PDB file of all heavy atoms in Angstrom:
ATOM      1  N   ALA A   1       0.818  -1.153   0.033  1.00  0.00           N
ATOM      2  CA  ALA A   1       0.048   0.021   0.052  1.00  0.00           C
ATOM      3  C   ALA A   1       0.867   1.284   0.002  1.00  0.00           C
ATOM      4  O   ALA A   1       0.440   2.308  -0.599  1.00  0.00           O
ATOM      5  CB  ALA A   1      -0.934  -0.066   1.192  1.00  0.00           C
ATOM      6  N   SER A   2       2.098   1.245   0.516  1.00  0.00           N
ATOM      7  CA  SER A   2       2.910   2.515   0.676  1.00  0.00           C
ATOM      8  C   SER A   2       3.536   2.653  -0.641  1.00  0.00           C
ATOM      9  O   SER A   2       4.028   3.885  -0.847  1.00  0.00           O
ATOM     10  CB  SER A   2       3.989   2.226   1.674  1.00  0.00           C
ATOM     11  OG  SER A   2       5.001   1.320   1.195  1.00  0.00           O
ATOM     12  N   LEU A   3       3.496   1.800  -1.590  1.00  0.00           N
ATOM     13  CA  LEU A   3       4.167   1.971  -2.889  1.00  0.00           C
ATOM     14  C   LEU A   3       3.161   2.558  -4.035  1.00  0.00           C
ATOM     15  O   LEU A   3       3.604   2.957  -5.140  1.00  0.00           O
ATOM     16  CB  LEU A   3       4.685   0.631  -3.456  1.00  0.00           C
ATOM     17  CG  LEU A   3       5.712  -0.074  -2.489  1.00  0.00           C
ATOM     18  CD1 LEU A   3       5.977  -1.408  -3.024  1.00  0.00           C
ATOM     19  CD2 LEU A   3       6.961   0.704  -2.389  1.00  0.00           C
ATOM     20  N   VAL A   4       1.890   2.436  -3.791  1.00  0.00           N
ATOM     21  CA  VAL A   4       0.911   2.725  -4.775  1.00  0.00           C
ATOM     22  C   VAL A   4       0.191   4.122  -4.427  1.00  0.00           C
ATOM     23  O   VAL A   4       0.140   4.538  -3.329  1.00  0.00           O
ATOM     24  CB  VAL A   4      -0.161   1.555  -4.867  1.00  0.00           C
ATOM     25  CG1 VAL A   4       0.489   0.302  -5.337  1.00  0.00           C
ATOM     26  CG2 VAL A   4      -0.969   1.411  -3.610  1.00  0.00           C
ATOM     27  N   SER A   5      -0.354   4.665  -5.520  1.00  0.00           N
ATOM     28  CA  SER A   5      -1.148   5.954  -5.370  1.00  0.00           C
ATOM     29  C   SER A   5      -2.501   5.572  -4.715  1.00  0.00           C
ATOM     30  O   SER A   5      -2.928   4.434  -4.709  1.00  0.00           O
ATOM     31  CB  SER A   5      -1.175   6.572  -6.761  1.00  0.00           C
ATOM     32  OG  SER A   5      -2.025   5.818  -7.536  1.00  0.00           O
ATOM     33  N   ASP A   6      -3.088   6.705  -4.200  1.00  0.00           N
ATOM     34  CA  ASP A   6      -4.483   6.488  -3.608  1.00  0.00           C
ATOM     35  C   ASP A   6      -5.425   5.888  -4.600  1.00  0.00           C
ATOM     36  O   ASP A   6      -6.384   5.264  -4.200  1.00  0.00           O
ATOM     37  CB  ASP A   6      -4.878   7.816  -3.000  1.00  0.00           C
ATOM     38  CG  ASP A   6      -4.071   8.243  -1.791  1.00  0.00           C
ATOM     39  OD1 ASP A   6      -3.515   7.335  -1.192  1.00  0.00           O
ATOM     40  OD2 ASP A   6      -3.994   9.501  -1.553  1.00  0.00           O
ATOM     41  N   ASP A   7      -5.272   6.293  -5.955  1.00  0.00           N
ATOM     42  CA  ASP A   7      -6.198   5.940  -6.867  1.00  0.00           C
ATOM     43  C   ASP A   7      -5.766   4.841  -7.757  1.00  0.00           C
ATOM     44  O   ASP A   7      -6.071   4.778  -8.902  1.00  0.00           O
ATOM     45  CB  ASP A   7      -6.688   7.048  -7.696  1.00  0.00           C
ATOM     46  CG  ASP A   7      -5.497   7.767  -8.500  1.00  0.00           C
ATOM     47  OD1 ASP A   7      -4.383   7.517  -8.136  1.00  0.00           O
ATOM     48  OD2 ASP A   7      -5.759   8.620  -9.336  1.00  0.00           O
ATOM     49  N   VAL A   8      -4.709   3.996  -7.287  1.00  0.00           N
ATOM     50  CA  VAL A   8      -4.092   2.926  -8.091  1.00  0.00           C
ATOM     51  C   VAL A   8      -5.202   2.011  -8.688  1.00  0.00           C
ATOM     52  O   VAL A   8      -6.283   1.922  -8.177  1.00  0.00           O
ATOM     53  CB  VAL A   8      -3.107   2.098  -7.276  1.00  0.00           C
ATOM     54  CG1 VAL A   8      -3.877   1.372  -6.207  1.00  0.00           C
ATOM     55  CG2 VAL A   8      -2.357   1.184  -8.167  1.00  0.00           C
ATOM     56  N   GLU A   9      -4.943   1.624  -9.936  1.00  0.00           N
ATOM     57  CA  GLU A   9      -5.745   0.644 -10.576  1.00  0.00           C
ATOM     58  C   GLU A   9      -5.130  -0.716 -10.800  1.00  0.00           C
ATOM     59  O   GLU A   9      -3.905  -0.730 -11.310  1.00  0.00           O
ATOM     60  CB  GLU A   9      -6.211   1.156 -11.983  1.00  0.00           C
ATOM     61  CG  GLU A   9      -7.036   0.173 -12.692  1.00  0.00           C
ATOM     62  CD  GLU A   9      -7.389   0.682 -14.130  1.00  0.00           C
ATOM     63  OE1 GLU A   9      -6.772   1.675 -14.612  1.00  0.00           O
ATOM     64  OE2 GLU A   9      -8.279   0.005 -14.707  1.00  0.00           O
ATOM     65  N   PHE A  10      -5.664  -1.737 -10.308  1.00  0.00           N
ATOM     66  CA  PHE A  10      -5.100  -3.041 -10.471  1.00  0.00           C
ATOM     67  C   PHE A  10      -5.934  -3.740 -11.579  1.00  0.00           C
ATOM     68  O   PHE A  10      -7.109  -4.170 -11.324  1.00  0.00           O
ATOM     69  CB  PHE A  10      -5.217  -3.938  -9.183  1.00  0.00           C
ATOM     70  CG  PHE A  10      -4.347  -3.435  -8.102  1.00  0.00           C
ATOM     71  CD1 PHE A  10      -4.838  -2.566  -7.047  1.00  0.00           C
ATOM     72  CD2 PHE A  10      -3.029  -3.745  -8.084  1.00  0.00           C
ATOM     73  CE1 PHE A  10      -4.084  -2.223  -6.006  1.00  0.00           C
ATOM     74  CE2 PHE A  10      -2.234  -3.358  -6.947  1.00  0.00           C
ATOM     75  CZ  PHE A  10      -2.831  -2.494  -5.984  1.00  0.00           C
ATOM     76  N   ARG A  11      -5.372  -3.670 -12.864  1.00  0.00           N
ATOM     77  CA  ARG A  11      -6.169  -4.138 -13.880  1.00  0.00           C
ATOM     78  C   ARG A  11      -6.353  -5.713 -14.001  1.00  0.00           C
ATOM     79  O   ARG A  11      -5.369  -6.359 -13.731  1.00  0.00           O
ATOM     80  CB  ARG A  11      -5.633  -3.655 -15.209  1.00  0.00           C
ATOM     81  CG  ARG A  11      -5.688  -2.158 -15.403  1.00  0.00           C
ATOM     82  CD  ARG A  11      -5.117  -1.714 -16.691  1.00  0.00           C
ATOM     83  NE  ARG A  11      -5.253  -0.209 -16.839  1.00  0.00           N
ATOM     84  CZ  ARG A  11      -4.412   0.525 -17.456  1.00  0.00           C
ATOM     85  NH1 ARG A  11      -3.405   0.063 -18.039  1.00  0.00           N
ATOM     86  NH2 ARG A  11      -4.653   1.946 -17.406  1.00  0.00           N
ATOM     87  N   ASN A  12      -7.453  -6.075 -14.335  1.00  0.00           N
ATOM     88  CA  ASN A  12      -7.753  -7.551 -14.396  1.00  0.00           C
ATOM     89  C   ASN A  12      -7.587  -8.001 -15.858  1.00  0.00           C
ATOM     90  O   ASN A  12      -8.495  -7.665 -16.639  1.00  0.00           O
ATOM     91  CB  ASN A  12      -9.111  -7.931 -13.795  1.00  0.00           C
ATOM     92  CG  ASN A  12      -9.348  -9.374 -13.765  1.00  0.00           C
ATOM     93  OD1 ASN A  12      -8.843 -10.135 -14.546  1.00  0.00           O
ATOM     94  ND2 ASN A  12     -10.295  -9.725 -12.772  1.00  0.00           N
ATOM     95  N   GLN A  13      -6.607  -8.706 -16.082  1.00  0.00           N
ATOM     96  CA  GLN A  13      -6.334  -9.164 -17.567  1.00  0.00           C
ATOM     97  C   GLN A  13      -7.141 -10.373 -17.938  1.00  0.00           C
ATOM     98  O   GLN A  13      -7.331 -10.736 -19.142  1.00  0.00           O
ATOM     99  CB  GLN A  13      -4.949  -9.422 -17.775  1.00  0.00           C
ATOM    100  CG  GLN A  13      -4.015  -8.283 -17.572  1.00  0.00           C
ATOM    101  CD  GLN A  13      -4.231  -7.237 -18.666  1.00  0.00           C
ATOM    102  OE1 GLN A  13      -4.580  -7.386 -19.783  1.00  0.00           O
ATOM    103  NE2 GLN A  13      -4.179  -6.038 -18.156  1.00  0.00           N
ATOM    104  N   ALA A  14      -7.889 -11.021 -16.893  1.00  0.00           N
ATOM    105  CA  ALA A  14      -8.711 -12.147 -17.157  1.00  0.00           C
ATOM    106  C   ALA A  14     -10.133 -11.761 -17.665  1.00  0.00           C
ATOM    107  O   ALA A  14     -10.938 -12.587 -17.835  1.00  0.00           O
ATOM    108  CB  ALA A  14      -8.734 -13.133 -15.940  1.00  0.00           C
ATOM    109  N   GLY A  15     -10.429 -10.454 -17.642  1.00  0.00           N
ATOM    110  CA  GLY A  15     -11.664  -9.935 -18.228  1.00  0.00           C
ATOM    111  C   GLY A  15     -12.626  -9.502 -17.092  1.00  0.00           C
ATOM    112  O   GLY A  15     -13.664  -8.901 -17.386  1.00  0.00           O
ATOM    113  N   GLY A  16     -12.267  -9.647 -15.854  1.00  0.00           N
ATOM    114  CA  GLY A  16     -13.124  -9.140 -14.729  1.00  0.00           C
ATOM    115  C   GLY A  16     -12.819  -7.686 -14.581  1.00  0.00           C
ATOM    116  O   GLY A  16     -12.034  -7.112 -15.207  1.00  0.00           O
ATOM    117  N   ARG A  17     -13.509  -7.146 -13.583  1.00  0.00           N
ATOM    118  CA  ARG A  17     -13.422  -5.707 -13.323  1.00  0.00           C
ATOM    119  C   ARG A  17     -12.037  -5.467 -12.581  1.00  0.00           C
ATOM    120  O   ARG A  17     -11.530  -6.346 -11.840  1.00  0.00           O
ATOM    121  CB  ARG A  17     -14.506  -5.159 -12.548  1.00  0.00           C
ATOM    122  CG  ARG A  17     -14.691  -5.608 -11.117  1.00  0.00           C
ATOM    123  CD  ARG A  17     -15.977  -4.946 -10.448  1.00  0.00           C
ATOM    124  NE  ARG A  17     -16.064  -5.471  -9.096  1.00  0.00           N
ATOM    125  CZ  ARG A  17     -15.619  -4.870  -8.032  1.00  0.00           C
ATOM    126  NH1 ARG A  17     -15.081  -3.727  -8.200  1.00  0.00           N
ATOM    127  NH2 ARG A  17     -15.680  -5.263  -6.882  1.00  0.00           N
ATOM    128  N   SER A  18     -11.550  -4.163 -12.849  1.00  0.00           N
ATOM    129  CA  SER A  18     -10.395  -3.827 -12.070  1.00  0.00           C
ATOM    130  C   SER A  18     -10.712  -3.459 -10.630  1.00  0.00           C
ATOM    131  O   SER A  18     -11.735  -3.173 -10.411  1.00  0.00           O
ATOM    132  CB  SER A  18      -9.761  -2.529 -12.877  1.00  0.00           C
ATOM    133  OG  SER A  18      -9.328  -2.908 -14.116  1.00  0.00           O
ATOM    134  N   LEU A  19      -9.653  -3.529  -9.895  1.00  0.00           N
ATOM    135  CA  LEU A  19      -9.718  -3.185  -8.444  1.00  0.00           C
ATOM    136  C   LEU A  19      -9.066  -1.776  -8.475  1.00  0.00           C
ATOM    137  O   LEU A  19      -8.064  -1.480  -9.066  1.00  0.00           O
ATOM    138  CB  LEU A  19      -8.986  -4.150  -7.544  1.00  0.00           C
ATOM    139  CG  LEU A  19      -9.406  -5.609  -7.660  1.00  0.00           C
ATOM    140  CD1 LEU A  19      -8.465  -6.418  -6.733  1.00  0.00           C
ATOM    141  CD2 LEU A  19     -10.870  -5.692  -7.114  1.00  0.00           C
ATOM    142  N   ARG A  20      -9.574  -0.881  -7.536  1.00  0.00           N
ATOM    143  CA  ARG A  20      -9.012   0.439  -7.452  1.00  0.00           C
ATOM    144  C   ARG A  20      -8.772   0.860  -6.071  1.00  0.00           C
ATOM    145  O   ARG A  20      -9.452   0.398  -5.063  1.00  0.00           O
ATOM    146  CB  ARG A  20      -9.981   1.443  -8.062  1.00  0.00           C
ATOM    147  CG  ARG A  20     -10.138   1.256  -9.518  1.00  0.00           C
ATOM    148  CD  ARG A  20     -11.021   2.430 -10.129  1.00  0.00           C
ATOM    149  NE  ARG A  20     -11.117   2.192 -11.625  1.00  0.00           N
ATOM    150  CZ  ARG A  20     -10.242   2.730 -12.445  1.00  0.00           C
ATOM    151  NH1 ARG A  20      -9.179   3.255 -12.030  1.00  0.00           N
ATOM    152  NH2 ARG A  20     -10.442   2.521 -13.712  1.00  0.00           N
ATOM    153  N   GLY A  21      -7.878   1.722  -5.806  1.00  0.00           N
ATOM    154  CA  GLY A  21      -7.598   2.295  -4.537  1.00  0.00           C
ATOM    155  C   GLY A  21      -6.613   1.365  -3.695  1.00  0.00           C
ATOM    156  O   GLY A  21      -6.311   0.215  -4.004  1.00  0.00           O
ATOM    157  N   ARG A  22      -6.035   1.982  -2.686  1.00  0.00           N
ATOM    158  CA  ARG A  22      -5.118   1.251  -1.805  1.00  0.00           C
ATOM    159  C   ARG A  22      -5.643   0.094  -1.160  1.00  0.00           C
ATOM    160  O   ARG A  22      -5.017  -0.938  -0.873  1.00  0.00           O
ATOM    161  CB  ARG A  22      -4.469   2.184  -0.821  1.00  0.00           C
ATOM    162  CG  ARG A  22      -3.570   3.139  -1.333  1.00  0.00           C
ATOM    163  CD  ARG A  22      -2.955   4.009  -0.233  1.00  0.00           C
ATOM    164  NE  ARG A  22      -1.954   4.881  -0.917  1.00  0.00           N
ATOM    165  CZ  ARG A  22      -1.021   5.440  -0.398  1.00  0.00           C
ATOM    166  NH1 ARG A  22      -0.571   5.063   0.862  1.00  0.00           N
ATOM    167  NH2 ARG A  22      -0.236   6.404  -0.947  1.00  0.00           N
ATOM    168  N   SER A  23      -6.979   0.169  -0.901  1.00  0.00           N
ATOM    169  CA  SER A  23      -7.686  -1.046  -0.180  1.00  0.00           C
ATOM    170  C   SER A  23      -7.530  -2.282  -1.174  1.00  0.00           C
ATOM    171  O   SER A  23      -7.660  -3.355  -0.650  1.00  0.00           O
ATOM    172  CB  SER A  23      -9.079  -0.748   0.151  1.00  0.00           C
ATOM    173  OG  SER A  23      -9.909  -0.471  -1.049  1.00  0.00           O
ATOM    174  N   ALA A  24      -7.387  -2.103  -2.371  1.00  0.00           N
ATOM    175  CA  ALA A  24      -7.402  -3.262  -3.311  1.00  0.00           C
ATOM    176  C   ALA A  24      -6.088  -4.033  -3.074  1.00  0.00           C
ATOM    177  O   ALA A  24      -5.990  -5.127  -3.402  1.00  0.00           O
ATOM    178  CB  ALA A  24      -7.401  -2.716  -4.770  1.00  0.00           C
ATOM    179  N   ALA A  25      -5.058  -3.390  -2.442  1.00  0.00           N
ATOM    180  CA  ALA A  25      -3.886  -4.150  -2.179  1.00  0.00           C
ATOM    181  C   ALA A  25      -4.070  -5.284  -1.200  1.00  0.00           C
ATOM    182  O   ALA A  25      -3.536  -6.426  -1.450  1.00  0.00           O
ATOM    183  CB  ALA A  25      -2.890  -3.215  -1.481  1.00  0.00           C
ATOM    184  N   GLU A  26      -5.055  -5.209  -0.324  1.00  0.00           N
ATOM    185  CA  GLU A  26      -5.450  -6.266   0.602  1.00  0.00           C
ATOM    186  C   GLU A  26      -5.994  -7.428  -0.233  1.00  0.00           C
ATOM    187  O   GLU A  26      -5.621  -8.658  -0.058  1.00  0.00           O
ATOM    188  CB  GLU A  26      -6.453  -5.886   1.621  1.00  0.00           C
ATOM    189  CG  GLU A  26      -5.910  -5.078   2.745  1.00  0.00           C
ATOM    190  CD  GLU A  26      -6.927  -4.774   3.714  1.00  0.00           C
ATOM    191  OE1 GLU A  26      -7.789  -5.537   3.965  1.00  0.00           O
ATOM    192  OE2 GLU A  26      -6.853  -3.663   4.233  1.00  0.00           O
ATOM    193  N   ARG A  27      -6.723  -7.165  -1.319  1.00  0.00           N
ATOM    194  CA  ARG A  27      -7.388  -8.237  -2.082  1.00  0.00           C
ATOM    195  C   ARG A  27      -6.322  -8.922  -2.960  1.00  0.00           C
ATOM    196  O   ARG A  27      -6.440 -10.160  -3.208  1.00  0.00           O
ATOM    197  CB  ARG A  27      -8.513  -7.610  -2.958  1.00  0.00           C
ATOM    198  CG  ARG A  27      -9.688  -7.184  -2.061  1.00  0.00           C
ATOM    199  CD  ARG A  27     -10.787  -6.546  -2.751  1.00  0.00           C
ATOM    200  NE  ARG A  27     -11.590  -7.414  -3.607  1.00  0.00           N
ATOM    201  CZ  ARG A  27     -12.505  -7.065  -4.469  1.00  0.00           C
ATOM    202  NH1 ARG A  27     -12.830  -5.812  -4.515  1.00  0.00           N
ATOM    203  NH2 ARG A  27     -13.085  -7.950  -5.173  1.00  0.00           N
ATOM    204  N   LEU A  28      -5.400  -8.015  -3.453  1.00  0.00           N
ATOM    205  CA  LEU A  28      -4.350  -8.625  -4.232  1.00  0.00           C
ATOM    206  C   LEU A  28      -3.405  -9.520  -3.452  1.00  0.00           C
ATOM    207  O   LEU A  28      -3.119 -10.747  -3.861  1.00  0.00           O
ATOM    208  CB  LEU A  28      -3.560  -7.537  -4.828  1.00  0.00           C
ATOM    209  CG  LEU A  28      -2.357  -7.909  -5.867  1.00  0.00           C
ATOM    210  CD1 LEU A  28      -2.974  -8.537  -7.102  1.00  0.00           C
ATOM    211  CD2 LEU A  28      -1.501  -6.774  -6.180  1.00  0.00           C
TER     212      LEU A  28
END
């Protein structure tokens, strides 16, 4: 979380929706 911007986008290349924000780091 300390490495990413507040509005970071974790793009899903498998076709699902992208995750956004630092809270997405937990899911990753």
